[in-house]
Amino acid sequence: MTTMISAAPSRGAVGVFFIRLALLAGFVALLPARALCDVAPPPSPSPEESPLRSAPAPYFSAEEEVSPDYDGTAGSSTLINLRGQIPYAAGAARYVFRVRIPIVTSAPQTAITGTGDVALFDLAVSDTQSGRWLTGATVRLPSGQKDSLGTGKYSIGPAFGYESRRGSWVFGFFEQNFFSVIGPKSRPPVGQSKIEPTIAYVFPRGWTVGTSRMTFTYDWVRSAWTDVPLGVGVDKTFADALRRIDASFEIEKNLAGVKGAPGWTLRTAVKWTFR
């Protein structure tokens, strides 16, 4: 989702972001020691075992993204992404249902705040000796509160992903596609492919360093890449027998140089996984 910026920057947004980052660090530091303990990386699996032993678990996450500028255009904004996953089974087959809700919480004076288009994912889970595959479909609903916050179209498309772990290294990707099928003719058609690659290294005591949530976006209507991000992230994991908490910080630079797209993005996130 892109929010067009045409006013002077909201300089307080970046300051508020770092205040919230400090509060996030304090929240993690104050977690009860008896309730949460550091997580060490599991041992490397043997060739006969799947590198992802555990079944998919339900989770909820909240991400805050601050974009101080938009390809040199004055302006800044704050976006909240709410994500969730619910696993379920149908016979011997396993599936996960995912949802993403974007909410623009702050923007320059002439921009709009509110909820954007909701994305839904229904994915089949398949474990192999080399890794885990996800295959299925995605639907994006025209739930944007204002025209600038959404596409106005119902969009569907295939989605698939893969993740593998070898020792302390994690590799993977997730691709999602959106092509408009229903919507007012006055709104432009939608044709997007989004690819999220993952490369990370898991250190002892629950620390992980790797790529950020880099979402490369190709717009088939424009015939151009609108997002070409390059970023890094740091994640800290805490867990007990019932739940796992991940706290992370990421920074990205969009190399596409498209007007109206974020230049730099700072991201913090907290993710609760329930076992």
C-alpha atoms as a PDB file:
ATOM      1  CA  MET A   1       0.000   0.000   0.000  1.00  0.00           C
ATOM      2  CA  THR A   2       1.334   3.423  -0.932  1.00  0.00           C
ATOM      3  CA  THR A   3       0.302   6.704   0.633  1.00  0.00           C
ATOM      4  CA  MET A   4       0.925   9.743  -1.543  1.00  0.00           C
ATOM      5  CA  ILE A   5       2.831  12.526   0.211  1.00  0.00           C
ATOM      6  CA  SER A   6       2.609  16.160  -0.794  1.00  0.00           C
ATOM      7  CA  ALA A   7       3.126  18.209   2.355  1.00  0.00           C
ATOM      8  CA  ALA A   8       5.903  19.157   4.738  1.00  0.00           C
ATOM      9  CA  PRO A   9       7.290  16.285   6.797  1.00  0.00           C
ATOM     10  CA  SER A  10       5.923  15.345  10.172  1.00  0.00           C
ATOM     11  CA  ARG A  11       9.260  15.603  11.967  1.00  0.00           C
ATOM     12  CA  GLY A  12       7.821  14.236  15.184  1.00  0.00           C
ATOM     13  CA  ALA A  13       7.069  10.849  13.604  1.00  0.00           C
ATOM     14  CA  VAL A  14      10.689   9.689  13.653  1.00  0.00           C
ATOM     15  CA  GLY A  15      11.155  10.884  17.230  1.00  0.00           C
ATOM     16  CA  VAL A  16       8.013   9.057  18.339  1.00  0.00           C
ATOM     17  CA  PHE A  17       9.285   5.940  16.564  1.00  0.00           C
ATOM     18  CA  PHE A  18      12.503   5.887  18.603  1.00  0.00           C
ATOM     19  CA  ILE A  19      10.562   6.549  21.807  1.00  0.00           C
ATOM     20  CA  ARG A  20       8.410   3.509  21.045  1.00  0.00           C
ATOM     21  CA  LEU A  21      11.548   1.521  20.207  1.00  0.00           C
ATOM     22  CA  ALA A  22      12.923   2.366  23.650  1.00  0.00           C
ATOM     23  CA  LEU A  23       9.622   1.326  25.241  1.00  0.00           C
ATOM     24  CA  LEU A  24       9.738  -1.944  23.300  1.00  0.00           C
ATOM     25  CA  ALA A  25      13.249  -2.622  24.615  1.00  0.00           C
ATOM     26  CA  GLY A  26      12.050  -1.850  28.121  1.00  0.00           C
ATOM     27  CA  PHE A  27       9.044  -4.148  27.711  1.00  0.00           C
ATOM     28  CA  VAL A  28      11.300  -7.046  26.728  1.00  0.00           C
ATOM     29  CA  ALA A  29      13.761  -6.293  29.538  1.00  0.00           C
ATOM     30  CA  LEU A  30      10.973  -6.338  32.143  1.00  0.00           C
ATOM     31  CA  LEU A  31       9.525  -9.704  31.129  1.00  0.00           C
ATOM     32  CA  PRO A  32       9.464 -12.008  34.204  1.00  0.00           C
ATOM     33  CA  ALA A  33      12.561 -14.177  34.274  1.00  0.00           C
ATOM     34  CA  ARG A  34      10.572 -17.219  35.399  1.00  0.00           C
ATOM     35  CA  ALA A  35       8.030 -16.830  32.628  1.00  0.00           C
ATOM     36  CA  LEU A  36      10.401 -16.334  29.718  1.00  0.00           C
ATOM     37  CA  CYS A  37      13.862 -17.679  29.096  1.00  0.00           C
ATOM     38  CA  ASP A  38      16.365 -17.233  26.293  1.00  0.00           C
ATOM     39  CA  VAL A  39      16.035 -19.666  23.423  1.00  0.00           C
ATOM     40  CA  ALA A  40      19.089 -21.461  22.091  1.00  0.00           C
ATOM     41  CA  PRO A  41      19.059 -22.642  18.463  1.00  0.00           C
ATOM     42  CA  PRO A  42      18.042 -26.282  18.045  1.00  0.00           C
ATOM     43  CA  PRO A  43      20.699 -28.723  16.854  1.00  0.00           C
ATOM     44  CA  SER A  44      21.178 -29.239  13.142  1.00  0.00           C
ATOM     45  CA  PRO A  45      18.812 -31.980  11.903  1.00  0.00           C
ATOM     46  CA  SER A  46      20.052 -35.185  10.363  1.00  0.00           C
ATOM     47  CA  PRO A  47      19.504 -35.687   6.606  1.00  0.00           C
ATOM     48  CA  GLU A  48      16.549 -37.975   7.357  1.00  0.00           C
ATOM     49  CA  GLU A  49      14.711 -35.307   9.352  1.00  0.00           C
ATOM     50  CA  SER A  50      12.804 -32.271   8.214  1.00  0.00           C
ATOM     51  CA  PRO A  51      14.659 -29.116   9.291  1.00  0.00           C
ATOM     52  CA  LEU A  52      11.337 -27.724  10.562  1.00  0.00           C
ATOM     53  CA  ARG A  53      10.150 -30.298  13.088  1.00  0.00           C
ATOM     54  CA  SER A  54       7.324 -28.420  14.760  1.00  0.00           C
ATOM     55  CA  ALA A  55       3.844 -28.026  13.290  1.00  0.00           C
ATOM     56  CA  PRO A  56       2.685 -24.517  12.340  1.00  0.00           C
ATOM     57  CA  ALA A  57       1.576 -22.559  15.412  1.00  0.00           C
ATOM     58  CA  PRO A  58      -0.911 -19.704  15.799  1.00  0.00           C
ATOM     59  CA  TYR A  59       0.626 -16.265  16.151  1.00  0.00           C
ATOM     60  CA  PHE A  60      -0.192 -12.569  16.298  1.00  0.00           C
ATOM     61  CA  SER A  61       2.199  -9.737  15.487  1.00  0.00           C
ATOM     62  CA  ALA A  62       2.141  -5.951  15.464  1.00  0.00           C
ATOM     63  CA  GLU A  63       4.619  -4.004  13.322  1.00  0.00           C
ATOM     64  CA  GLU A  64       5.224  -0.274  13.230  1.00  0.00           C
ATOM     65  CA  GLU A  65       6.822   1.188  10.093  1.00  0.00           C
ATOM     66  CA  VAL A  66       8.075   4.775   9.956  1.00  0.00           C
ATOM     67  CA  SER A  67       9.007   6.243   6.560  1.00  0.00           C
ATOM     68  CA  PRO A  68      10.797   9.609   6.993  1.00  0.00           C
ATOM     69  CA  ASP A  69      10.752  10.442   3.264  1.00  0.00           C
ATOM     70  CA  TYR A  70       9.245   9.334  -0.046  1.00  0.00           C
ATOM     71  CA  ASP A  71      11.918   9.307  -2.771  1.00  0.00           C
ATOM     72  CA  GLY A  72      13.011  12.810  -1.895  1.00  0.00           C
ATOM     73  CA  THR A  73       9.452  14.128  -1.580  1.00  0.00           C
ATOM     74  CA  ALA A  74       8.869  15.947   1.694  1.00  0.00           C
ATOM     75  CA  GLY A  75       6.724  13.950   4.091  1.00  0.00           C
ATOM     76  CA  SER A  76       6.735  11.136   6.591  1.00  0.00           C
ATOM     77  CA  SER A  77       4.194   8.562   7.742  1.00  0.00           C
ATOM     78  CA  THR A  78       3.638   5.778  10.239  1.00  0.00           C
ATOM     79  CA  LEU A  79       2.045   2.460   9.296  1.00  0.00           C
ATOM     80  CA  ILE A  80       0.884  -0.311  11.634  1.00  0.00           C
ATOM     81  CA  ASN A  81       0.675  -3.845  10.231  1.00  0.00           C
ATOM     82  CA  LEU A  82      -1.386  -6.350  12.238  1.00  0.00           C
ATOM     83  CA  ARG A  83      -0.733  -9.954  11.233  1.00  0.00           C
ATOM     84  CA  GLY A  84      -2.100 -13.257  12.429  1.00  0.00           C
ATOM     85  CA  GLN A  85      -1.973 -16.963  11.644  1.00  0.00           C
ATOM     86  CA  ILE A  86      -4.365 -19.791  12.543  1.00  0.00           C
ATOM     87  CA  PRO A  87      -3.375 -23.387  11.628  1.00  0.00           C
ATOM     88  CA  TYR A  88      -6.046 -25.989  10.881  1.00  0.00           C
ATOM     89  CA  ALA A  89      -6.323 -29.490   9.465  1.00  0.00           C
ATOM     90  CA  ALA A  90      -8.593 -31.162   6.922  1.00  0.00           C
ATOM     91  CA  GLY A  91      -8.100 -34.882   7.145  1.00  0.00           C
ATOM     92  CA  ALA A  92      -4.387 -35.608   6.857  1.00  0.00           C
ATOM     93  CA  ALA A  93      -3.684 -32.254   5.193  1.00  0.00           C
ATOM     94  CA  ARG A  94      -2.447 -29.246   7.173  1.00  0.00           C
ATOM     95  CA  TYR A  95      -3.201 -25.613   6.376  1.00  0.00           C
ATOM     96  CA  VAL A  96      -2.601 -22.130   7.751  1.00  0.00           C
ATOM     97  CA  PHE A  97      -4.932 -19.172   7.438  1.00  0.00           C
ATOM     98  CA  ARG A  98      -3.241 -15.759   7.601  1.00  0.00           C
ATOM     99  CA  VAL A  99      -4.481 -12.178   7.701  1.00  0.00           C
ATOM    100  CA  ARG A 100      -2.755  -8.805   7.327  1.00  0.00           C
ATOM    101  CA  ILE A 101      -4.434  -5.510   8.283  1.00  0.00           C
ATOM    102  CA  PRO A 102      -2.546  -2.278   7.438  1.00  0.00           C
ATOM    103  CA  ILE A 103      -3.411   0.915   9.334  1.00  0.00           C
ATOM    104  CA  VAL A 104      -1.921   4.338   8.564  1.00  0.00           C
ATOM    105  CA  THR A 105      -1.760   6.089  11.940  1.00  0.00           C
ATOM    106  CA  SER A 106       0.065   9.305  11.047  1.00  0.00           C
ATOM    107  CA  ALA A 107       0.798  11.191   7.848  1.00  0.00           C
ATOM    108  CA  PRO A 108       1.413  14.751   6.579  1.00  0.00           C
ATOM    109  CA  GLN A 109      -1.483  17.145   6.884  1.00  0.00           C
ATOM    110  CA  THR A 110      -2.826  16.616   3.358  1.00  0.00           C
ATOM    111  CA  ALA A 111      -2.587  12.811   3.509  1.00  0.00           C
ATOM    112  CA  ILE A 112      -5.183  10.396   4.845  1.00  0.00           C
ATOM    113  CA  THR A 113      -5.013   8.082   7.844  1.00  0.00           C
ATOM    114  CA  GLY A 114      -7.058   4.940   8.371  1.00  0.00           C
ATOM    115  CA  THR A 115      -7.301   1.269   7.486  1.00  0.00           C
ATOM    116  CA  GLY A 116      -6.062  -0.052   4.145  1.00  0.00           C
ATOM    117  CA  ASP A 117      -6.940  -3.154   2.138  1.00  0.00           C
ATOM    118  CA  VAL A 118      -7.013  -6.404   4.156  1.00  0.00           C
ATOM    119  CA  ALA A 119      -5.121  -9.394   2.730  1.00  0.00           C
ATOM    120  CA  LEU A 120      -6.164 -13.001   3.459  1.00  0.00           C
ATOM    121  CA  PHE A 121      -4.044 -16.107   2.818  1.00  0.00           C
ATOM    122  CA  ASP A 122      -5.059 -19.784   2.773  1.00  0.00           C
ATOM    123  CA  LEU A 123      -1.984 -21.999   2.458  1.00  0.00           C
ATOM    124  CA  ALA A 124      -1.362 -25.752   2.460  1.00  0.00           C
ATOM    125  CA  VAL A 125       1.659 -26.904   4.486  1.00  0.00           C
ATOM    126  CA  SER A 126       3.954 -29.599   3.130  1.00  0.00           C
ATOM    127  CA  ASP A 127       7.113 -30.779   4.920  1.00  0.00           C
ATOM    128  CA  THR A 128       9.933 -32.480   3.019  1.00  0.00           C
ATOM    129  CA  GLN A 129      13.417 -33.627   3.988  1.00  0.00           C
ATOM    130  CA  SER A 130      14.864 -30.369   2.664  1.00  0.00           C
ATOM    131  CA  GLY A 131      12.368 -27.890   4.059  1.00  0.00           C
ATOM    132  CA  ARG A 132       8.765 -26.693   4.352  1.00  0.00           C
ATOM    133  CA  TRP A 133       6.563 -25.580   1.441  1.00  0.00           C
ATOM    134  CA  LEU A 134       3.496 -23.338   1.594  1.00  0.00           C
ATOM    135  CA  THR A 135       1.143 -23.260  -1.400  1.00  0.00           C
ATOM    136  CA  GLY A 136      -2.257 -21.674  -1.788  1.00  0.00           C
ATOM    137  CA  ALA A 137      -4.090 -18.487  -2.655  1.00  0.00           C
ATOM    138  CA  THR A 138      -4.458 -14.943  -1.420  1.00  0.00           C
ATOM    139  CA  VAL A 139      -7.381 -12.517  -1.541  1.00  0.00           C
ATOM    140  CA  ARG A 140      -7.148  -8.776  -1.001  1.00  0.00           C
ATOM    141  CA  LEU A 141     -10.354  -7.024   0.040  1.00  0.00           C
ATOM    142  CA  PRO A 142     -11.130  -3.380  -0.881  1.00  0.00           C
ATOM    143  CA  SER A 143     -11.502  -2.367   2.760  1.00  0.00           C
ATOM    144  CA  GLY A 144      -9.552   0.902   2.539  1.00  0.00           C
ATOM    145  CA  GLN A 145     -11.417   3.659   4.367  1.00  0.00           C
ATOM    146  CA  LYS A 146     -10.437   6.207   1.703  1.00  0.00           C
ATOM    147  CA  ASP A 147      -9.528   5.923  -1.979  1.00  0.00           C
ATOM    148  CA  SER A 148      -5.870   6.750  -1.279  1.00  0.00           C
ATOM    149  CA  LEU A 149      -5.644   3.934   1.288  1.00  0.00           C
ATOM    150  CA  GLY A 150      -6.740   1.098  -0.979  1.00  0.00           C
ATOM    151  CA  THR A 151      -7.213  -0.120  -4.522  1.00  0.00           C
ATOM    152  CA  GLY A 152     -11.018  -0.293  -4.560  1.00  0.00           C
ATOM    153  CA  LYS A 153     -10.745  -3.740  -6.177  1.00  0.00           C
ATOM    154  CA  TYR A 154     -11.132  -7.348  -5.088  1.00  0.00           C
ATOM    155  CA  SER A 155      -7.852  -9.023  -6.019  1.00  0.00           C
ATOM    156  CA  ILE A 156      -6.852 -12.706  -5.982  1.00  0.00           C
ATOM    157  CA  GLY A 157      -3.781 -14.676  -6.943  1.00  0.00           C
ATOM    158  CA  PRO A 158      -1.508 -17.618  -6.127  1.00  0.00           C
ATOM    159  CA  ALA A 159       0.831 -17.584  -3.148  1.00  0.00           C
ATOM    160  CA  PHE A 160       3.640 -19.953  -2.253  1.00  0.00           C
ATOM    161  CA  GLY A 161       6.732 -20.061  -0.078  1.00  0.00           C
ATOM    162  CA  TYR A 162       9.587 -22.201   1.173  1.00  0.00           C
ATOM    163  CA  GLU A 163      11.792 -22.286   4.264  1.00  0.00           C
ATOM    164  CA  SER A 164      14.791 -24.444   5.104  1.00  0.00           C
ATOM    165  CA  ARG A 165      17.249 -24.544   7.979  1.00  0.00           C
ATOM    166  CA  ARG A 166      20.782 -25.873   7.827  1.00  0.00           C
ATOM    167  CA  GLY A 167      22.610 -25.634  11.107  1.00  0.00           C
ATOM    168  CA  SER A 168      22.315 -22.004  12.225  1.00  0.00           C
ATOM    169  CA  TRP A 169      21.341 -20.696   8.783  1.00  0.00           C
ATOM    170  CA  VAL A 170      17.744 -20.104   7.685  1.00  0.00           C
ATOM    171  CA  PHE A 171      16.850 -19.645   3.999  1.00  0.00           C
ATOM    172  CA  GLY A 172      13.499 -19.089   2.349  1.00  0.00           C
ATOM    173  CA  PHE A 173      11.112 -16.948   0.372  1.00  0.00           C
ATOM    174  CA  PHE A 174       7.417 -16.115   0.147  1.00  0.00           C
ATOM    175  CA  GLU A 175       5.661 -14.906  -2.993  1.00  0.00           C
ATOM    176  CA  GLN A 176       2.182 -13.428  -3.227  1.00  0.00           C
ATOM    177  CA  ASN A 177       0.296 -12.180  -6.275  1.00  0.00           C
ATOM    178  CA  PHE A 178      -2.684  -9.860  -6.593  1.00  0.00           C
ATOM    179  CA  PHE A 179      -4.746  -9.423  -9.775  1.00  0.00           C
ATOM    180  CA  SER A 180      -8.006  -7.477  -9.678  1.00  0.00           C
ATOM    181  CA  VAL A 181     -11.179  -9.360 -10.618  1.00  0.00           C
ATOM    182  CA  ILE A 182     -14.051  -7.207  -9.313  1.00  0.00           C
ATOM    183  CA  GLY A 183     -14.316  -3.481  -8.712  1.00  0.00           C
ATOM    184  CA  PRO A 184     -15.441  -0.142 -10.133  1.00  0.00           C
ATOM    185  CA  LYS A 185     -14.190   0.649 -13.629  1.00  0.00           C
ATOM    186  CA  SER A 186     -13.215   4.100 -12.430  1.00  0.00           C
ATOM    187  CA  ARG A 187     -10.389   2.587 -10.362  1.00  0.00           C
ATOM    188  CA  PRO A 188      -7.223   1.386 -12.141  1.00  0.00           C
ATOM    189  CA  PRO A 189      -6.637  -2.380 -12.451  1.00  0.00           C
ATOM    190  CA  VAL A 190      -4.359  -4.200 -10.016  1.00  0.00           C
ATOM    191  CA  GLY A 191      -1.525  -6.496 -11.053  1.00  0.00           C
ATOM    192  CA  GLN A 192       1.215  -7.043  -8.483  1.00  0.00           C
ATOM    193  CA  SER A 193       3.728  -9.727  -7.592  1.00  0.00           C
ATOM    194  CA  LYS A 194       5.480  -9.501  -4.219  1.00  0.00           C
ATOM    195  CA  ILE A 195       8.525 -11.572  -3.260  1.00  0.00           C
ATOM    196  CA  GLU A 196      10.011 -11.719   0.252  1.00  0.00           C
ATOM    197  CA  PRO A 197      13.410 -13.481   0.426  1.00  0.00           C
ATOM    198  CA  THR A 198      14.844 -14.562   3.783  1.00  0.00           C
ATOM    199  CA  ILE A 199      18.443 -15.155   4.813  1.00  0.00           C
ATOM    200  CA  ALA A 200      19.229 -15.238   8.534  1.00  0.00           C
ATOM    201  CA  TYR A 201      21.777 -16.582  10.991  1.00  0.00           C
ATOM    202  CA  VAL A 202      20.656 -17.787  14.420  1.00  0.00           C
ATOM    203  CA  PHE A 203      23.076 -17.033  17.243  1.00  0.00           C
ATOM    204  CA  PRO A 204      23.044 -18.559  20.738  1.00  0.00           C
ATOM    205  CA  ARG A 205      20.608 -17.246  23.380  1.00  0.00           C
ATOM    206  CA  GLY A 206      17.855 -16.381  20.899  1.00  0.00           C
ATOM    207  CA  TRP A 207      19.533 -13.714  18.763  1.00  0.00           C
ATOM    208  CA  THR A 208      19.006 -13.697  14.987  1.00  0.00           C
ATOM    209  CA  VAL A 209      20.543 -11.372  12.386  1.00  0.00           C
ATOM    210  CA  GLY A 210      19.475 -11.373   8.755  1.00  0.00           C
ATOM    211  CA  THR A 211      17.583  -9.634   6.026  1.00  0.00           C
ATOM    212  CA  SER A 212      14.649  -7.394   6.905  1.00  0.00           C
ATOM    213  CA  ARG A 213      11.119  -8.070   5.637  1.00  0.00           C
ATOM    214  CA  MET A 214      12.254  -7.063   2.157  1.00  0.00           C
ATOM    215  CA  THR A 215       9.189  -7.129  -0.117  1.00  0.00           C
ATOM    216  CA  PHE A 216      10.191  -6.760  -3.755  1.00  0.00           C
ATOM    217  CA  THR A 217       7.132  -5.579  -5.702  1.00  0.00           C
ATOM    218  CA  TYR A 218       6.646  -5.767  -9.465  1.00  0.00           C
ATOM    219  CA  ASP A 219       3.677  -3.835 -10.872  1.00  0.00           C
ATOM    220  CA  TRP A 220       2.396  -5.546 -14.030  1.00  0.00           C
ATOM    221  CA  VAL A 221       0.217  -2.527 -14.871  1.00  0.00           C
ATOM    222  CA  ARG A 222       3.164  -0.123 -14.811  1.00  0.00           C
ATOM    223  CA  SER A 223       5.599  -2.770 -16.097  1.00  0.00           C
ATOM    224  CA  ALA A 224       8.071  -1.661 -13.443  1.00  0.00           C
ATOM    225  CA  TRP A 225       9.515  -2.575 -10.054  1.00  0.00           C
ATOM    226  CA  THR A 226       7.961  -0.225  -7.487  1.00  0.00           C
ATOM    227  CA  ASP A 227       9.746  -1.618  -4.417  1.00  0.00           C
ATOM    228  CA  VAL A 228      13.333  -2.876  -4.459  1.00  0.00           C
ATOM    229  CA  PRO A 229      14.266  -2.858  -0.754  1.00  0.00           C
ATOM    230  CA  LEU A 230      17.626  -3.640   0.792  1.00  0.00           C
ATOM    231  CA  GLY A 231      17.654  -4.002   4.541  1.00  0.00           C
ATOM    232  CA  VAL A 232      18.853  -5.782   7.661  1.00  0.00           C
ATOM    233  CA  GLY A 233      17.141  -6.807  10.865  1.00  0.00           C
ATOM    234  CA  VAL A 234      17.898  -8.026  14.390  1.00  0.00           C
ATOM    235  CA  ASP A 235      15.521 -10.307  16.307  1.00  0.00           C
ATOM    236  CA  LYS A 236      15.544 -11.451  19.935  1.00  0.00           C
ATOM    237  CA  THR A 237      13.492 -14.484  20.985  1.00  0.00           C
ATOM    238  CA  PHE A 238      12.114 -15.298  24.431  1.00  0.00           C
ATOM    239  CA  ALA A 239      10.004 -18.372  25.171  1.00  0.00           C
ATOM    240  CA  ASP A 240       8.494 -20.707  27.703  1.00  0.00           C
ATOM    241  CA  ALA A 241       6.440 -23.869  27.305  1.00  0.00           C
ATOM    242  CA  LEU A 242       3.277 -22.036  26.195  1.00  0.00           C
ATOM    243  CA  ARG A 243       4.333 -19.027  24.187  1.00  0.00           C
ATOM    244  CA  ARG A 244       7.197 -17.387  22.350  1.00  0.00           C
ATOM    245  CA  ILE A 245       7.833 -13.664  21.984  1.00  0.00           C
ATOM    246  CA  ASP A 246       9.998 -12.156  19.244  1.00  0.00           C
ATOM    247  CA  ALA A 247      11.068  -8.512  19.391  1.00  0.00           C
ATOM    248  CA  SER A 248      12.785  -7.119  16.299  1.00  0.00           C
ATOM    249  CA  PHE A 249      14.154  -3.974  14.696  1.00  0.00           C
ATOM    250  CA  GLU A 250      14.760  -3.459  10.951  1.00  0.00           C
ATOM    251  CA  ILE A 251      15.955  -0.751   8.580  1.00  0.00           C
ATOM    252  CA  GLU A 252      15.400  -0.717   4.805  1.00  0.00           C
ATOM    253  CA  LYS A 253      16.266   1.419   1.802  1.00  0.00           C
ATOM    254  CA  ASN A 254      14.051   1.306  -1.292  1.00  0.00           C
ATOM    255  CA  LEU A 255      16.295   1.370  -4.380  1.00  0.00           C
ATOM    256  CA  ALA A 256      13.433   1.626  -6.899  1.00  0.00           C
ATOM    257  CA  GLY A 257      13.187   5.424  -6.803  1.00  0.00           C
ATOM    258  CA  VAL A 258       9.452   5.544  -7.568  1.00  0.00           C
ATOM    259  CA  LYS A 259       7.599   8.750  -6.724  1.00  0.00           C
ATOM    260  CA  GLY A 260       5.187   8.213  -3.841  1.00  0.00           C
ATOM    261  CA  ALA A 261       7.038   5.115  -2.537  1.00  0.00           C
ATOM    262  CA  PRO A 262       8.973   5.195   0.759  1.00  0.00           C
ATOM    263  CA  GLY A 263      12.698   5.912   0.533  1.00  0.00           C
ATOM    264  CA  TRP A 264      13.825   4.692   3.970  1.00  0.00           C
ATOM    265  CA  THR A 265      11.741   2.533   6.311  1.00  0.00           C
ATOM    266  CA  LEU A 266      12.365   1.871  10.016  1.00  0.00           C
ATOM    267  CA  ARG A 267      10.428  -1.056  11.461  1.00  0.00           C
ATOM    268  CA  THR A 268       9.861  -2.468  14.941  1.00  0.00           C
ATOM    269  CA  ALA A 269       7.754  -5.538  15.649  1.00  0.00           C
ATOM    270  CA  VAL A 270       6.541  -7.772  18.444  1.00  0.00           C
ATOM    271  CA  LYS A 271       5.297 -11.261  17.609  1.00  0.00           C
ATOM    272  CA  TRP A 272       3.494 -13.647  19.977  1.00  0.00           C
ATOM    273  CA  THR A 273       3.554 -17.326  18.982  1.00  0.00           C
ATOM    274  CA  PHE A 274       1.320 -19.699  20.956  1.00  0.00           C
ATOM    275  CA  ARG A 275       2.373 -23.341  21.084  1.00  0.00           C
END
